[in-house]
Amino acid sequence: MTDDELIALAREAALKAYAPYSKFHVGCAIESVDGDVVTGANMENACYRLGICAEQSALTAAQHKFGLARVARIAVAGGGIDGASLTGDLTCTPCGGCRQAIFEAACLSGRDIDVLSANGEGTRFEHDAIGSLLPHGFGPANLTEVGE
């Protein structure tokens, strides 16, 4: 699957987001090492802190379909909705909490997972490894000193 195809799936997922408060729709597509793909979208809640991010939604789907250790790369896109299209020029990167969750999958897989962060319109994206988005991340290895 090409970068553009994975980003298109993330943009499509964003159209399924539930974002009545912020109006900021985010979609995420995750590809496994075998080419399987799952998607997720953000879901807001009137009690704001109970909402979930698109990346968390997609990571949960990935765990169920093929396991976090098989995650190869992730695409994220976000913006507003105009009719049936995702819009916005700003590149949407994972928030800090989602970077931590992606880092957990990277620790399980032993790969520095690729993250594609796209603008809403799908005309531009940034390509980063999770290690550069979350340097000095806290993962399972940090807990080995206290026993397992």
N, C-alpha and C. Protein backbone atom coordinates (compact mmCIF):
# COMPACT_ATOMS: atom_id res chain seq x y z
N MET A 1 0.84 -1.17 0.00
CA MET A 1 0.00 0.00 0.00
C MET A 1 0.89 1.24 0.00
N THR A 2 0.54 2.20 -0.83
CA THR A 2 1.33 3.43 -0.91
C THR A 2 0.99 4.36 0.25
N ASP A 3 1.85 5.35 0.47
CA ASP A 3 1.57 6.37 1.48
C ASP A 3 0.24 7.06 1.19
N ASP A 4 0.02 7.43 -0.07
CA ASP A 4 -1.21 8.13 -0.45
C ASP A 4 -2.45 7.28 -0.17
N GLU A 5 -2.36 5.98 -0.40
CA GLU A 5 -3.51 5.10 -0.15
C GLU A 5 -3.80 4.99 1.34
N LEU A 6 -2.76 4.89 2.16
CA LEU A 6 -2.96 4.80 3.60
C LEU A 6 -3.53 6.11 4.14
N ILE A 7 -3.03 7.23 3.64
CA ILE A 7 -3.56 8.53 4.05
C ILE A 7 -5.01 8.68 3.61
N ALA A 8 -5.35 8.20 2.43
CA ALA A 8 -6.74 8.27 1.96
C ALA A 8 -7.66 7.50 2.90
N LEU A 9 -7.20 6.37 3.41
CA LEU A 9 -8.01 5.60 4.36
C LEU A 9 -8.17 6.35 5.68
N ALA A 10 -7.13 7.04 6.11
CA ALA A 10 -7.23 7.85 7.34
C ALA A 10 -8.21 9.01 7.13
N ARG A 11 -8.15 9.64 5.96
CA ARG A 11 -9.07 10.75 5.65
C ARG A 11 -10.51 10.24 5.60
N GLU A 12 -10.70 9.07 5.02
CA GLU A 12 -12.04 8.47 4.96
C GLU A 12 -12.56 8.16 6.36
N ALA A 13 -11.68 7.65 7.21
CA ALA A 13 -12.07 7.34 8.59
C ALA A 13 -12.47 8.61 9.33
N ALA A 14 -11.79 9.72 9.05
CA ALA A 14 -12.11 10.99 9.72
C ALA A 14 -13.54 11.43 9.44
N LEU A 15 -14.06 11.07 8.29
CA LEU A 15 -15.44 11.43 7.95
C LEU A 15 -16.44 10.70 8.84
N LYS A 16 -16.00 9.65 9.53
CA LYS A 16 -16.87 8.88 10.42
C LYS A 16 -16.71 9.30 11.89
N ALA A 17 -15.88 10.30 12.13
CA ALA A 17 -15.65 10.77 13.50
C ALA A 17 -16.93 11.36 14.09
N TYR A 18 -17.02 11.33 15.41
CA TYR A 18 -18.10 11.99 16.13
C TYR A 18 -17.46 13.17 16.84
N ALA A 19 -17.59 14.35 16.24
CA ALA A 19 -16.91 15.54 16.76
C ALA A 19 -17.84 16.75 16.79
N PRO A 20 -18.96 16.64 17.51
CA PRO A 20 -19.92 17.75 17.51
C PRO A 20 -19.46 18.98 18.28
N TYR A 21 -18.46 18.85 19.14
CA TYR A 21 -18.03 19.96 19.98
C TYR A 21 -16.87 20.73 19.36
N SER A 22 -15.82 20.03 19.02
CA SER A 22 -14.65 20.70 18.44
C SER A 22 -14.79 20.90 16.94
N LYS A 23 -15.61 20.07 16.30
CA LYS A 23 -15.75 20.07 14.83
C LYS A 23 -14.44 19.69 14.14
N PHE A 24 -13.51 19.11 14.89
CA PHE A 24 -12.23 18.68 14.34
C PHE A 24 -12.26 17.16 14.22
N HIS A 25 -12.37 16.68 13.02
CA HIS A 25 -12.51 15.26 12.72
C HIS A 25 -11.13 14.66 12.43
N VAL A 26 -10.80 13.59 13.13
CA VAL A 26 -9.51 12.94 12.93
C VAL A 26 -9.74 11.47 12.60
N GLY A 27 -9.00 11.00 11.62
CA GLY A 27 -9.03 9.59 11.25
C GLY A 27 -7.64 9.01 11.30
N CYS A 28 -7.59 7.72 11.51
CA CYS A 28 -6.31 7.02 11.60
C CYS A 28 -6.44 5.69 10.87
N ALA A 29 -5.42 5.35 10.10
CA ALA A 29 -5.34 4.05 9.44
C ALA A 29 -4.03 3.40 9.85
N ILE A 30 -4.11 2.14 10.22
CA ILE A 30 -2.93 1.39 10.67
C ILE A 30 -2.74 0.19 9.76
N GLU A 31 -1.52 0.06 9.25
CA GLU A 31 -1.18 -1.08 8.40
C GLU A 31 -0.29 -2.05 9.17
N SER A 32 -0.59 -3.32 9.05
CA SER A 32 0.23 -4.34 9.69
C SER A 32 1.40 -4.71 8.79
N VAL A 33 2.31 -5.48 9.33
CA VAL A 33 3.45 -5.95 8.55
C VAL A 33 3.00 -6.86 7.40
N ASP A 34 1.80 -7.42 7.51
CA ASP A 34 1.26 -8.30 6.47
C ASP A 34 0.35 -7.58 5.49
N GLY A 35 0.17 -6.26 5.67
CA GLY A 35 -0.66 -5.48 4.77
C GLY A 35 -2.11 -5.36 5.18
N ASP A 36 -2.51 -5.95 6.31
CA ASP A 36 -3.86 -5.74 6.82
C ASP A 36 -4.00 -4.31 7.31
N VAL A 37 -5.18 -3.74 7.18
CA VAL A 37 -5.41 -2.35 7.58
C VAL A 37 -6.66 -2.25 8.44
N VAL A 38 -6.56 -1.46 9.50
CA VAL A 38 -7.72 -1.10 10.32
C VAL A 38 -7.76 0.42 10.41
N THR A 39 -8.93 0.95 10.73
CA THR A 39 -9.08 2.39 10.86
C THR A 39 -9.80 2.72 12.16
N GLY A 40 -9.72 3.98 12.52
CA GLY A 40 -10.43 4.50 13.68
C GLY A 40 -10.63 5.98 13.52
N ALA A 41 -11.53 6.54 14.32
CA ALA A 41 -11.81 7.97 14.28
C ALA A 41 -12.03 8.47 15.70
N ASN A 42 -11.85 9.78 15.88
CA ASN A 42 -12.07 10.33 17.20
C ASN A 42 -13.56 10.31 17.54
N MET A 43 -13.84 10.18 18.83
CA MET A 43 -15.21 10.18 19.32
C MET A 43 -15.26 11.08 20.55
N GLU A 44 -15.90 12.23 20.39
CA GLU A 44 -16.00 13.18 21.49
C GLU A 44 -17.17 12.81 22.41
N ASN A 45 -17.18 13.45 23.57
CA ASN A 45 -18.20 13.21 24.56
C ASN A 45 -18.49 14.55 25.23
N ALA A 46 -19.72 14.76 25.66
CA ALA A 46 -20.07 16.00 26.35
C ALA A 46 -19.19 16.20 27.59
N CYS A 47 -18.80 15.11 28.22
CA CYS A 47 -17.79 15.15 29.28
C CYS A 47 -16.45 15.01 28.57
N TYR A 48 -15.85 16.14 28.22
CA TYR A 48 -14.73 16.17 27.28
C TYR A 48 -13.65 15.14 27.53
N ARG A 49 -13.28 14.92 28.75
CA ARG A 49 -12.16 14.00 29.01
C ARG A 49 -12.50 12.55 28.70
N LEU A 50 -13.74 12.24 28.44
CA LEU A 50 -14.12 10.86 28.12
C LEU A 50 -14.05 10.55 26.63
N GLY A 51 -13.73 11.54 25.82
CA GLY A 51 -13.57 11.29 24.39
C GLY A 51 -12.35 10.44 24.12
N ILE A 52 -12.30 9.84 22.92
CA ILE A 52 -11.12 9.06 22.54
C ILE A 52 -10.58 9.58 21.21
N CYS A 53 -9.29 9.47 21.08
CA CYS A 53 -8.62 9.91 19.86
C CYS A 53 -8.73 8.84 18.78
N ALA A 54 -8.56 9.27 17.54
CA ALA A 54 -8.60 8.35 16.41
C ALA A 54 -7.51 7.28 16.52
N GLU A 55 -6.33 7.69 16.95
CA GLU A 55 -5.22 6.74 17.05
C GLU A 55 -5.52 5.65 18.07
N GLN A 56 -6.10 6.04 19.21
CA GLN A 56 -6.46 5.06 20.25
C GLN A 56 -7.52 4.11 19.72
N SER A 57 -8.49 4.66 18.99
CA SER A 57 -9.54 3.85 18.39
C SER A 57 -8.95 2.84 17.41
N ALA A 58 -8.06 3.30 16.55
CA ALA A 58 -7.45 2.42 15.55
C ALA A 58 -6.49 1.41 16.19
N LEU A 59 -5.75 1.82 17.22
CA LEU A 59 -4.85 0.89 17.89
C LEU A 59 -5.63 -0.24 18.56
N THR A 60 -6.79 0.07 19.11
CA THR A 60 -7.64 -0.97 19.69
C THR A 60 -8.09 -1.95 18.61
N ALA A 61 -8.51 -1.42 17.47
CA ALA A 61 -8.91 -2.29 16.35
C ALA A 61 -7.73 -3.13 15.88
N ALA A 62 -6.54 -2.53 15.84
CA ALA A 62 -5.34 -3.26 15.42
C ALA A 62 -5.04 -4.41 16.38
N GLN A 63 -5.14 -4.15 17.66
CA GLN A 63 -4.89 -5.20 18.65
C GLN A 63 -5.83 -6.38 18.43
N HIS A 64 -7.09 -6.07 18.14
CA HIS A 64 -8.08 -7.13 17.94
C HIS A 64 -7.86 -7.88 16.63
N LYS A 65 -7.46 -7.18 15.58
CA LYS A 65 -7.34 -7.83 14.26
C LYS A 65 -6.01 -8.56 14.07
N PHE A 66 -4.89 -7.92 14.45
CA PHE A 66 -3.61 -8.57 14.17
C PHE A 66 -2.57 -8.41 15.27
N GLY A 67 -2.87 -7.67 16.32
CA GLY A 67 -1.94 -7.52 17.44
C GLY A 67 -1.03 -6.31 17.28
N LEU A 68 -0.78 -5.62 18.36
CA LEU A 68 0.04 -4.41 18.33
C LEU A 68 1.47 -4.69 17.89
N ALA A 69 1.97 -5.87 18.14
CA ALA A 69 3.34 -6.20 17.75
C ALA A 69 3.50 -6.29 16.23
N ARG A 70 2.40 -6.29 15.49
CA ARG A 70 2.46 -6.41 14.03
C ARG A 70 2.20 -5.08 13.32
N VAL A 71 2.09 -3.99 14.10
CA VAL A 71 1.88 -2.67 13.51
C VAL A 71 3.14 -2.24 12.77
N ALA A 72 2.98 -1.86 11.50
CA ALA A 72 4.11 -1.41 10.69
C ALA A 72 4.14 0.10 10.54
N ARG A 73 2.98 0.68 10.24
CA ARG A 73 2.93 2.14 10.08
C ARG A 73 1.52 2.65 10.30
N ILE A 74 1.47 3.94 10.54
CA ILE A 74 0.22 4.60 10.92
C ILE A 74 0.09 5.90 10.13
N ALA A 75 -1.13 6.16 9.66
CA ALA A 75 -1.43 7.44 9.01
C ALA A 75 -2.51 8.15 9.81
N VAL A 76 -2.34 9.45 9.99
CA VAL A 76 -3.30 10.29 10.71
C VAL A 76 -3.62 11.49 9.84
N ALA A 77 -4.92 11.83 9.78
CA ALA A 77 -5.35 13.02 9.05
C ALA A 77 -6.49 13.66 9.83
N GLY A 78 -6.52 14.98 9.82
CA GLY A 78 -7.59 15.64 10.55
C GLY A 78 -7.89 17.03 10.01
N GLY A 79 -9.12 17.47 10.28
CA GLY A 79 -9.54 18.79 9.86
C GLY A 79 -11.03 18.95 10.01
N GLY A 80 -11.58 19.91 9.31
CA GLY A 80 -13.01 20.16 9.34
C GLY A 80 -13.73 19.37 8.26
N ILE A 81 -15.03 19.44 8.29
CA ILE A 81 -15.85 18.76 7.29
C ILE A 81 -16.61 19.82 6.50
N ASP A 82 -16.52 19.71 5.18
CA ASP A 82 -17.29 20.57 4.29
C ASP A 82 -18.08 19.66 3.36
N GLY A 83 -19.37 19.51 3.63
CA GLY A 83 -20.17 18.57 2.87
C GLY A 83 -19.74 17.15 3.22
N ALA A 84 -19.20 16.44 2.26
CA ALA A 84 -18.73 15.07 2.47
C ALA A 84 -17.21 14.97 2.34
N SER A 85 -16.52 16.10 2.53
CA SER A 85 -15.06 16.11 2.36
C SER A 85 -14.36 16.61 3.62
N LEU A 86 -13.22 16.02 3.89
CA LEU A 86 -12.34 16.49 4.96
C LEU A 86 -11.56 17.67 4.42
N THR A 87 -11.46 18.73 5.19
CA THR A 87 -10.77 19.94 4.76
C THR A 87 -9.70 20.33 5.77
N GLY A 88 -8.91 21.30 5.41
CA GLY A 88 -7.92 21.85 6.32
C GLY A 88 -6.51 21.73 5.78
N ASP A 89 -5.75 22.79 5.96
CA ASP A 89 -4.39 22.86 5.46
C ASP A 89 -3.36 22.45 6.51
N LEU A 90 -3.74 22.47 7.78
CA LEU A 90 -2.81 22.18 8.87
C LEU A 90 -2.54 20.68 8.97
N THR A 91 -1.28 20.31 9.05
CA THR A 91 -0.90 18.91 9.22
C THR A 91 -1.30 18.45 10.61
N CYS A 92 -1.96 17.32 10.68
CA CYS A 92 -2.46 16.76 11.94
C CYS A 92 -1.51 15.68 12.43
N THR A 93 -0.83 15.95 13.53
CA THR A 93 0.07 14.96 14.13
C THR A 93 -0.60 14.35 15.36
N PRO A 94 -0.17 13.17 15.78
CA PRO A 94 -0.74 12.58 17.00
C PRO A 94 -0.45 13.45 18.22
N CYS A 95 -1.42 13.49 19.14
CA CYS A 95 -1.21 14.21 20.40
C CYS A 95 -0.20 13.44 21.25
N GLY A 96 0.19 14.01 22.35
CA GLY A 96 1.18 13.37 23.22
C GLY A 96 0.74 12.01 23.73
N GLY A 97 -0.51 11.90 24.15
CA GLY A 97 -1.01 10.62 24.64
C GLY A 97 -1.00 9.55 23.57
N CYS A 98 -1.35 9.94 22.36
CA CYS A 98 -1.35 8.98 21.25
C CYS A 98 0.07 8.60 20.85
N ARG A 99 0.97 9.54 20.95
CA ARG A 99 2.38 9.22 20.68
C ARG A 99 2.85 8.14 21.67
N GLN A 100 2.44 8.28 22.91
CA GLN A 100 2.80 7.28 23.93
C GLN A 100 2.21 5.92 23.57
N ALA A 101 0.95 5.89 23.13
CA ALA A 101 0.31 4.62 22.77
C ALA A 101 0.99 3.99 21.55
N ILE A 102 1.36 4.79 20.57
CA ILE A 102 2.08 4.29 19.40
C ILE A 102 3.45 3.77 19.82
N PHE A 103 4.10 4.48 20.74
CA PHE A 103 5.41 4.04 21.24
C PHE A 103 5.30 2.66 21.91
N GLU A 104 4.21 2.42 22.61
CA GLU A 104 3.99 1.10 23.24
C GLU A 104 3.97 0.02 22.16
N ALA A 105 3.25 0.27 21.07
CA ALA A 105 3.21 -0.70 19.96
C ALA A 105 4.60 -0.88 19.37
N ALA A 106 5.37 0.20 19.27
CA ALA A 106 6.73 0.12 18.74
C ALA A 106 7.61 -0.74 19.64
N CYS A 107 7.44 -0.60 20.94
CA CYS A 107 8.22 -1.42 21.88
C CYS A 107 7.87 -2.89 21.72
N LEU A 108 6.60 -3.20 21.54
CA LEU A 108 6.16 -4.58 21.37
C LEU A 108 6.67 -5.18 20.06
N SER A 109 6.72 -4.34 19.02
CA SER A 109 7.10 -4.83 17.70
C SER A 109 8.61 -4.84 17.47
N GLY A 110 9.33 -4.03 18.23
CA GLY A 110 10.76 -3.90 18.00
C GLY A 110 11.08 -3.03 16.79
N ARG A 111 10.08 -2.30 16.27
CA ARG A 111 10.27 -1.42 15.11
C ARG A 111 9.98 0.01 15.52
N ASP A 112 10.70 0.95 14.96
CA ASP A 112 10.43 2.37 15.15
C ASP A 112 9.33 2.73 14.15
N ILE A 113 8.09 2.57 14.56
CA ILE A 113 6.93 2.65 13.67
C ILE A 113 6.88 3.97 12.92
N ASP A 114 6.61 3.87 11.61
CA ASP A 114 6.46 5.05 10.76
C ASP A 114 5.10 5.69 11.01
N VAL A 115 5.10 7.01 11.12
CA VAL A 115 3.87 7.78 11.30
C VAL A 115 3.77 8.81 10.18
N LEU A 116 2.68 8.72 9.42
CA LEU A 116 2.39 9.69 8.37
C LEU A 116 1.34 10.64 8.91
N SER A 117 1.65 11.90 8.98
CA SER A 117 0.73 12.92 9.50
C SER A 117 0.32 13.81 8.34
N ALA A 118 -0.98 13.80 8.00
CA ALA A 118 -1.46 14.51 6.82
C ALA A 118 -2.36 15.68 7.18
N ASN A 119 -2.45 16.62 6.24
CA ASN A 119 -3.43 17.69 6.42
C ASN A 119 -4.80 17.15 6.00
N GLY A 120 -5.84 17.89 6.35
CA GLY A 120 -7.20 17.44 6.06
C GLY A 120 -7.47 17.23 4.59
N GLU A 121 -6.93 18.09 3.77
CA GLU A 121 -7.17 18.01 2.34
C GLU A 121 -6.42 16.85 1.68
N GLY A 122 -5.45 16.28 2.38
CA GLY A 122 -4.68 15.17 1.84
C GLY A 122 -3.65 15.59 0.81
N THR A 123 -3.31 16.86 0.80
CA THR A 123 -2.36 17.37 -0.19
C THR A 123 -0.93 17.41 0.31
N ARG A 124 -0.77 17.22 1.63
CA ARG A 124 0.58 17.32 2.20
C ARG A 124 0.66 16.40 3.42
N PHE A 125 1.82 15.79 3.61
CA PHE A 125 2.02 14.99 4.80
C PHE A 125 3.47 15.03 5.24
N GLU A 126 3.67 14.71 6.51
CA GLU A 126 5.01 14.59 7.09
C GLU A 126 5.22 13.12 7.44
N HIS A 127 6.45 12.68 7.29
CA HIS A 127 6.79 11.29 7.57
C HIS A 127 7.81 11.28 8.70
N ASP A 128 7.44 10.67 9.82
CA ASP A 128 8.33 10.60 10.98
C ASP A 128 8.28 9.20 11.58
N ALA A 129 9.33 8.83 12.26
CA ALA A 129 9.32 7.61 13.07
C ALA A 129 8.83 8.01 14.46
N ILE A 130 8.16 7.10 15.14
CA ILE A 130 7.62 7.44 16.47
C ILE A 130 8.75 7.84 17.42
N GLY A 131 9.93 7.29 17.24
CA GLY A 131 11.06 7.66 18.10
C GLY A 131 11.44 9.13 17.98
N SER A 132 11.21 9.72 16.81
CA SER A 132 11.50 11.15 16.66
C SER A 132 10.35 12.00 17.17
N LEU A 133 9.12 11.46 17.14
CA LEU A 133 7.97 12.21 17.67
C LEU A 133 7.89 12.14 19.19
N LEU A 134 8.47 11.07 19.75
CA LEU A 134 8.46 10.90 21.21
C LEU A 134 9.84 10.42 21.66
N PRO A 135 10.82 11.34 21.64
CA PRO A 135 12.16 10.93 22.08
C PRO A 135 12.15 10.60 23.58
N HIS A 136 12.94 9.66 23.96
CA HIS A 136 13.04 9.25 25.37
C HIS A 136 11.70 8.76 25.91
N GLY A 137 10.94 8.05 25.08
CA GLY A 137 9.62 7.56 25.48
C GLY A 137 9.71 6.60 26.65
N PHE A 138 8.62 6.51 27.38
CA PHE A 138 8.48 5.60 28.52
C PHE A 138 7.77 4.35 28.04
N GLY A 139 8.43 3.21 28.16
CA GLY A 139 7.85 1.96 27.67
C GLY A 139 8.06 0.82 28.63
N PRO A 140 7.73 -0.38 28.20
CA PRO A 140 7.84 -1.57 29.05
C PRO A 140 9.23 -1.75 29.66
N ALA A 141 10.28 -1.38 28.94
CA ALA A 141 11.64 -1.53 29.47
C ALA A 141 11.87 -0.69 30.71
N ASN A 142 11.13 0.42 30.83
CA ASN A 142 11.28 1.26 32.02
C ASN A 142 10.78 0.58 33.27
N LEU A 143 9.97 -0.45 33.13
CA LEU A 143 9.39 -1.12 34.29
C LEU A 143 10.15 -2.36 34.71
N THR A 144 11.20 -2.74 33.98
CA THR A 144 11.91 -3.98 34.29
C THR A 144 12.67 -3.92 35.62
N GLU A 145 13.04 -2.73 36.06
CA GLU A 145 13.77 -2.60 37.32
C GLU A 145 12.92 -2.99 38.52
N VAL A 146 11.62 -2.85 38.40
CA VAL A 146 10.75 -3.15 39.55
C VAL A 146 10.19 -4.57 39.49
N GLY A 147 10.61 -5.34 38.54
CA GLY A 147 10.17 -6.73 38.42
C GLY A 147 9.00 -6.85 37.47
N GLU A 148 8.74 -8.07 37.12
CA GLU A 148 7.65 -8.33 36.17
C GLU A 148 6.59 -9.18 36.77
